[in-house]
C-alpha atoms as a PDB file:
ATOM      1  CA  UNK A   1     119.143  -9.262 -27.594  1.00  0.00           C
ATOM      2  CA  UNK A   2     117.401  -6.441 -25.767  1.00  0.00           C
ATOM      3  CA  UNK A   3     114.103  -7.427 -27.359  1.00  0.00           C
ATOM      4  CA  UNK A   4     114.591 -11.006 -26.100  1.00  0.00           C
ATOM      5  CA  UNK A   5     115.208  -9.814 -22.534  1.00  0.00           C
ATOM      6  CA  UNK A   6     112.129  -7.570 -22.667  1.00  0.00           C
ATOM      7  CA  UNK A   7     109.983 -10.328 -24.206  1.00  0.00           C
ATOM      8  CA  UNK A   8     110.992 -12.839 -21.537  1.00  0.00           C
ATOM      9  CA  UNK A   9     110.396 -10.310 -18.739  1.00  0.00           C
ATOM     10  CA  UNK A  10     106.970  -9.421 -20.184  1.00  0.00           C
ATOM     11  CA  UNK A  11     105.979 -13.089 -20.415  1.00  0.00           C
ATOM     12  CA  UNK A  12     107.083 -13.783 -16.849  1.00  0.00           C
ATOM     13  CA  UNK A  13     105.265 -10.678 -15.575  1.00  0.00           C
ATOM     14  CA  UNK A  14     102.076 -11.784 -17.368  1.00  0.00           C
ATOM     15  CA  UNK A  15     102.337 -15.148 -15.615  1.00  0.00           C
ATOM     16  CA  UNK A  16     102.773 -13.343 -12.274  1.00  0.00           C
ATOM     17  CA  UNK A  17      99.614 -11.311 -12.969  1.00  0.00           C
ATOM     18  CA  UNK A  18      97.684 -14.500 -13.825  1.00  0.00           C
ATOM     19  CA  UNK A  19      98.944 -16.140 -10.636  1.00  0.00           C
ATOM     20  CA  UNK A  20      97.809 -13.098  -8.638  1.00  0.00           C
ATOM     21  CA  UNK A  21      94.329 -13.252 -10.177  1.00  0.00           C
ATOM     22  CA  UNK A  22      94.104 -16.967  -9.332  1.00  0.00           C
ATOM     23  CA  UNK A  23      95.272 -16.142  -5.809  1.00  0.00           C
ATOM     24  CA  UNK A  24      92.533 -13.517  -5.490  1.00  0.00           C
ATOM     25  CA  UNK A  25      89.962 -16.150  -6.494  1.00  0.00           C
ATOM     26  CA  UNK A  26      90.926 -18.187  -3.428  1.00  0.00           C
ATOM     27  CA  UNK A  27      89.873 -15.366  -1.095  1.00  0.00           C
ATOM     28  CA  UNK A  28      86.308 -15.933  -0.016  1.00  0.00           C
ATOM     29  CA  UNK A  29      83.570 -13.413  -0.745  1.00  0.00           C
ATOM     30  CA  UNK A  30      79.879 -13.498   0.171  1.00  0.00           C
ATOM     31  CA  UNK A  31      79.089 -15.971  -2.612  1.00  0.00           C
ATOM     32  CA  UNK A  32      80.640 -19.396  -2.676  1.00  0.00           C
ATOM     33  CA  UNK A  33      83.027 -20.018  -5.543  1.00  0.00           C
ATOM     34  CA  UNK A  34      84.473 -23.426  -6.531  1.00  0.00           C
ATOM     35  CA  UNK A  35      87.855 -21.693  -6.982  1.00  0.00           C
ATOM     36  CA  UNK A  36      87.992 -21.427  -3.177  1.00  0.00           C
ATOM     37  CA  UNK A  37      88.371 -25.181  -3.088  1.00  0.00           C
ATOM     38  CA  UNK A  38      91.094 -25.497  -5.754  1.00  0.00           C
ATOM     39  CA  UNK A  39      93.902 -25.568  -3.207  1.00  0.00           C
ATOM     40  CA  UNK A  40      92.376 -28.210  -0.977  1.00  0.00           C
ATOM     41  CA  UNK A  41      94.334 -31.443  -1.080  1.00  0.00           C
ATOM     42  CA  UNK A  42      92.684 -34.638   0.145  1.00  0.00           C
ATOM     43  CA  UNK A  43      94.704 -37.509   1.595  1.00  0.00           C
ATOM     44  CA  UNK A  44      93.602 -40.121  -0.928  1.00  0.00           C
ATOM     45  CA  UNK A  45      95.228 -43.516  -0.414  1.00  0.00           C
ATOM     46  CA  UNK A  46      98.250 -41.896   1.194  1.00  0.00           C
ATOM     47  CA  UNK A  47      98.945 -39.194  -1.371  1.00  0.00           C
ATOM     48  CA  UNK A  48      97.702 -35.594  -1.382  1.00  0.00           C
ATOM     49  CA  UNK A  49      95.285 -35.231  -4.286  1.00  0.00           C
ATOM     50  CA  UNK A  50      93.526 -32.012  -5.372  1.00  0.00           C
ATOM     51  CA  UNK A  51      89.825 -32.034  -4.510  1.00  0.00           C
ATOM     52  CA  UNK A  52      88.839 -31.230  -8.110  1.00  0.00           C
ATOM     53  CA  UNK A  53      90.377 -34.552  -9.232  1.00  0.00           C
ATOM     54  CA  UNK A  54      88.338 -36.535  -6.705  1.00  0.00           C
ATOM     55  CA  UNK A  55      84.909 -34.938  -6.966  1.00  0.00           C
ATOM     56  CA  UNK A  56      82.628 -32.680  -8.934  1.00  0.00           C
ATOM     57  CA  UNK A  57      81.750 -29.321  -7.391  1.00  0.00           C
ATOM     58  CA  UNK A  58      78.344 -27.680  -7.904  1.00  0.00           C
ATOM     59  CA  UNK A  59      76.888 -24.469  -6.479  1.00  0.00           C
ATOM     60  CA  UNK A  60      73.110 -24.895  -6.049  1.00  0.00           C
ATOM     61  CA  UNK A  61      72.768 -21.797  -3.818  1.00  0.00           C
ATOM     62  CA  UNK A  62      74.825 -18.675  -3.136  1.00  0.00           C
ATOM     63  CA  UNK A  63      76.294 -20.022   0.095  1.00  0.00           C
ATOM     64  CA  UNK A  64      76.231 -23.782  -0.526  1.00  0.00           C
ATOM     65  CA  UNK A  65      78.560 -26.075  -2.430  1.00  0.00           C
ATOM     66  CA  UNK A  66      77.766 -29.710  -3.186  1.00  0.00           C
ATOM     67  CA  UNK A  67      80.768 -32.007  -3.507  1.00  0.00           C
ATOM     68  CA  UNK A  68      80.003 -35.299  -5.262  1.00  0.00           C
ATOM     69  CA  UNK A  69      82.957 -37.687  -5.011  1.00  0.00           C
ATOM     70  CA  UNK A  70      83.736 -40.001  -7.909  1.00  0.00           C
ATOM     71  CA  UNK A  71      84.813 -42.634  -5.385  1.00  0.00           C
ATOM     72  CA  UNK A  72      82.409 -42.902  -2.417  1.00  0.00           C
ATOM     73  CA  UNK A  73      85.173 -44.357  -0.219  1.00  0.00           C
ATOM     74  CA  UNK A  74      86.882 -40.938  -0.263  1.00  0.00           C
ATOM     75  CA  UNK A  75      83.844 -39.205   1.274  1.00  0.00           C
ATOM     76  CA  UNK A  76      85.198 -39.043   4.839  1.00  0.00           C
ATOM     77  CA  UNK A  77      88.632 -37.876   3.659  1.00  0.00           C
ATOM     78  CA  UNK A  78      87.067 -35.114   1.538  1.00  0.00           C
ATOM     79  CA  UNK A  79      84.920 -33.965   4.449  1.00  0.00           C
ATOM     80  CA  UNK A  80      87.939 -33.910   6.764  1.00  0.00           C
ATOM     81  CA  UNK A  81      90.096 -31.969   4.266  1.00  0.00           C
ATOM     82  CA  UNK A  82      87.417 -29.304   3.804  1.00  0.00           C
ATOM     83  CA  UNK A  83      86.818 -28.975   7.554  1.00  0.00           C
ATOM     84  CA  UNK A  84      90.516 -28.524   8.341  1.00  0.00           C
ATOM     85  CA  UNK A  85      91.365 -26.144   5.476  1.00  0.00           C
ATOM     86  CA  UNK A  86      92.461 -22.777   6.956  1.00  0.00           C
ATOM     87  CA  UNK A  87      90.634 -19.469   6.363  1.00  0.00           C
ATOM     88  CA  UNK A  88      87.583 -21.171   4.875  1.00  0.00           C
ATOM     89  CA  UNK A  89      85.228 -21.245   7.853  1.00  0.00           C
ATOM     90  CA  UNK A  90      83.101 -23.852   6.096  1.00  0.00           C
ATOM     91  CA  UNK A  91      81.024 -26.513   7.779  1.00  0.00           C
ATOM     92  CA  UNK A  92      80.865 -29.686   5.683  1.00  0.00           C
ATOM     93  CA  UNK A  93      78.088 -32.230   6.265  1.00  0.00           C
ATOM     94  CA  UNK A  94      78.144 -35.738   4.874  1.00  0.00           C
ATOM     95  CA  UNK A  95      74.920 -37.562   3.990  1.00  0.00           C
ATOM     96  CA  UNK A  96      76.569 -40.782   2.794  1.00  0.00           C
ATOM     97  CA  UNK A  97      76.806 -39.953  -0.897  1.00  0.00           C
ATOM     98  CA  UNK A  98      77.646 -36.219  -1.122  1.00  0.00           C
ATOM     99  CA  UNK A  99      79.212 -33.527   1.036  1.00  0.00           C
ATOM    100  CA  UNK A 100      77.313 -30.275   1.473  1.00  0.00           C
ATOM    101  CA  UNK A 101      79.436 -27.285   2.388  1.00  0.00           C
ATOM    102  CA  UNK A 102      77.551 -24.326   3.836  1.00  0.00           C
ATOM    103  CA  UNK A 103      79.450 -21.081   4.205  1.00  0.00           C
ATOM    104  CA  UNK A 104      78.409 -18.790   7.052  1.00  0.00           C
ATOM    105  CA  UNK A 105      77.479 -15.173   6.395  1.00  0.00           C
ATOM    106  CA  UNK A 106      80.481 -12.885   6.426  1.00  0.00           C
ATOM    107  CA  UNK A 107      80.627 -10.396   9.274  1.00  0.00           C
ATOM    108  CA  UNK A 108      82.066  -6.936   8.717  1.00  0.00           C
ATOM    109  CA  UNK A 109      85.190  -7.866  10.704  1.00  0.00           C
ATOM    110  CA  UNK A 110      85.702 -11.027   8.660  1.00  0.00           C
ATOM    111  CA  UNK A 111      85.312  -9.029   5.435  1.00  0.00           C
ATOM    112  CA  UNK A 112      88.020  -6.628   6.628  1.00  0.00           C
ATOM    113  CA  UNK A 113      90.300  -9.584   7.393  1.00  0.00           C
ATOM    114  CA  UNK A 114      89.770 -10.900   3.873  1.00  0.00           C
ATOM    115  CA  UNK A 115      90.515  -7.451   2.412  1.00  0.00           C
ATOM    116  CA  UNK A 116      93.811  -7.465   4.338  1.00  0.00           C
ATOM    117  CA  UNK A 117      94.537 -10.953   3.006  1.00  0.00           C
ATOM    118  CA  UNK A 118      93.792  -9.846  -0.563  1.00  0.00           C
ATOM    119  CA  UNK A 119      96.022  -6.783  -0.159  1.00  0.00           C
ATOM    120  CA  UNK A 120      98.811  -9.012   1.135  1.00  0.00           C
ATOM    121  CA  UNK A 121      98.449 -11.283  -1.903  1.00  0.00           C
ATOM    122  CA  UNK A 122      98.481  -8.201  -4.142  1.00  0.00           C
ATOM    123  CA  UNK A 123     101.679  -6.934  -2.558  1.00  0.00           C
ATOM    124  CA  UNK A 124     103.300 -10.360  -3.001  1.00  0.00           C
ATOM    125  CA  UNK A 125     102.396 -10.240  -6.693  1.00  0.00           C
ATOM    126  CA  UNK A 126     103.820  -6.716  -7.062  1.00  0.00           C
ATOM    127  CA  UNK A 127     107.049  -7.883  -5.400  1.00  0.00           C
ATOM    128  CA  UNK A 128     107.235 -10.807  -7.844  1.00  0.00           C
ATOM    129  CA  UNK A 129     106.865  -8.413 -10.800  1.00  0.00           C
ATOM    130  CA  UNK A 130     109.541  -6.114  -9.365  1.00  0.00           C
ATOM    131  CA  UNK A 131     111.901  -9.069  -8.919  1.00  0.00           C
ATOM    132  CA  UNK A 132     111.390  -9.980 -12.574  1.00  0.00           C
ATOM    133  CA  UNK A 133     112.147  -6.366 -13.502  1.00  0.00           C
ATOM    134  CA  UNK A 134     115.329  -6.442 -11.402  1.00  0.00           C
ATOM    135  CA  UNK A 135     116.549  -9.631 -13.089  1.00  0.00           C
ATOM    136  CA  UNK A 136     115.760  -8.210 -16.529  1.00  0.00           C
ATOM    137  CA  UNK A 137     117.615  -4.988 -15.678  1.00  0.00           C
ATOM    138  CA  UNK A 138     120.638  -7.046 -14.604  1.00  0.00           C
ATOM    139  CA  UNK A 139     120.451  -8.889 -17.936  1.00  0.00           C
ATOM    140  CA  UNK A 140     120.329  -5.557 -19.776  1.00  0.00           C
ATOM    141  CA  UNK A 141     123.309  -4.254 -17.791  1.00  0.00           C
ATOM    142  CA  UNK A 142     125.228  -7.415 -18.727  1.00  0.00           C
ATOM    143  CA  UNK A 143     124.828  -6.449 -22.388  1.00  0.00           C
ATOM    144  CA  UNK A 144     127.008  -3.346 -21.882  1.00  0.00           C
ATOM    145  CA  UNK A 145     129.800  -3.496 -24.427  1.00  0.00           C
ATOM    146  CA  UNK A 146     127.816  -5.665 -26.834  1.00  0.00           C
ATOM    147  CA  UNK A 147     125.256  -2.942 -27.557  1.00  0.00           C
ATOM    148  CA  UNK A 148     125.306   0.827 -27.147  1.00  0.00           C
ATOM    149  CA  UNK A 149     124.414   2.678 -23.967  1.00  0.00           C
ATOM    150  CA  UNK A 150     121.561   4.483 -25.714  1.00  0.00           C
ATOM    151  CA  UNK A 151     119.960   1.172 -26.676  1.00  0.00           C
ATOM    152  CA  UNK A 152     120.296  -0.127 -23.128  1.00  0.00           C
ATOM    153  CA  UNK A 153     118.756   3.095 -21.804  1.00  0.00           C
ATOM    154  CA  UNK A 154     115.816   2.718 -24.217  1.00  0.00           C
ATOM    155  CA  UNK A 155     115.450  -0.916 -23.165  1.00  0.00           C
ATOM    156  CA  UNK A 156     115.346   0.085 -19.493  1.00  0.00           C
ATOM    157  CA  UNK A 157     112.632   2.670 -20.210  1.00  0.00           C
ATOM    158  CA  UNK A 158     110.624   0.028 -22.057  1.00  0.00           C
ATOM    159  CA  UNK A 159     111.132  -2.365 -19.147  1.00  0.00           C
ATOM    160  CA  UNK A 160     109.775   0.265 -16.752  1.00  0.00           C
ATOM    161  CA  UNK A 161     106.705   0.750 -18.960  1.00  0.00           C
ATOM    162  CA  UNK A 162     106.074  -3.013 -19.101  1.00  0.00           C
ATOM    163  CA  UNK A 163     106.506  -3.263 -15.340  1.00  0.00           C
ATOM    164  CA  UNK A 164     104.096  -0.386 -14.687  1.00  0.00           C
ATOM    165  CA  UNK A 165     101.491  -1.936 -17.002  1.00  0.00           C
ATOM    166  CA  UNK A 166     101.626  -5.270 -15.175  1.00  0.00           C
ATOM    167  CA  UNK A 167     101.548  -3.688 -11.715  1.00  0.00           C
ATOM    168  CA  UNK A 168      98.529  -1.633 -12.811  1.00  0.00           C
ATOM    169  CA  UNK A 169      96.807  -4.872 -13.859  1.00  0.00           C
ATOM    170  CA  UNK A 170      97.449  -6.336 -10.401  1.00  0.00           C
ATOM    171  CA  UNK A 171      96.146  -3.170  -8.731  1.00  0.00           C
ATOM    172  CA  UNK A 172      92.995  -3.239 -10.885  1.00  0.00           C
ATOM    173  CA  UNK A 173      92.323  -6.897 -10.012  1.00  0.00           C
ATOM    174  CA  UNK A 174      92.885  -6.099  -6.333  1.00  0.00           C
ATOM    175  CA  UNK A 175      90.477  -3.151  -6.497  1.00  0.00           C
ATOM    176  CA  UNK A 176      87.788  -5.395  -8.035  1.00  0.00           C
ATOM    177  CA  UNK A 177      88.349  -8.036  -5.346  1.00  0.00           C
ATOM    178  CA  UNK A 178      88.109  -5.459  -2.561  1.00  0.00           C
ATOM    179  CA  UNK A 179      84.849  -4.110  -3.984  1.00  0.00           C
ATOM    180  CA  UNK A 180      83.526  -7.662  -4.212  1.00  0.00           C
ATOM    181  CA  UNK A 181      84.536  -8.374  -0.608  1.00  0.00           C
ATOM    182  CA  UNK A 182      82.989  -5.222   0.829  1.00  0.00           C
ATOM    183  CA  UNK A 183      79.737  -5.643  -1.115  1.00  0.00           C
ATOM    184  CA  UNK A 184      77.008  -6.746   1.288  1.00  0.00           C
END
């Protein structure tokens, strides 16, 4: 029973770490990355559709992304969705068949803003892991009477070790993202 609680908590914490890493990918660095555009939804025939389902994304240069829509009638909607997406700062241009997105150079102030954003996302991920730990600890406490106190105590120590390992993974990913952001 204790092993099941710990296994479930570990799996959920691993998913939280993966979600944090994906979140970090959405923070812009000096180079353009198609992952920045994963969260853009385009109003396609009245329903919000992810950009990746409507177009192919290629990176011909470090600061340019070429969006080639599968359906040319969605070109204007794609351009509008990219232009209005917050925290991107991109300027899309439409030539009738593709959309070119040129990202401006990052200023030092803008880099610092992105570092703050990444740290905020990292803290959210740490809070998610701690919430999973809290729920798992409650589940362990509910086992009192069914299993011995020593086993529950060992389970709690294991839970703390699992939690620390996952939080360290988040911190390491955040450190890499910060280094990437501050690299000129």
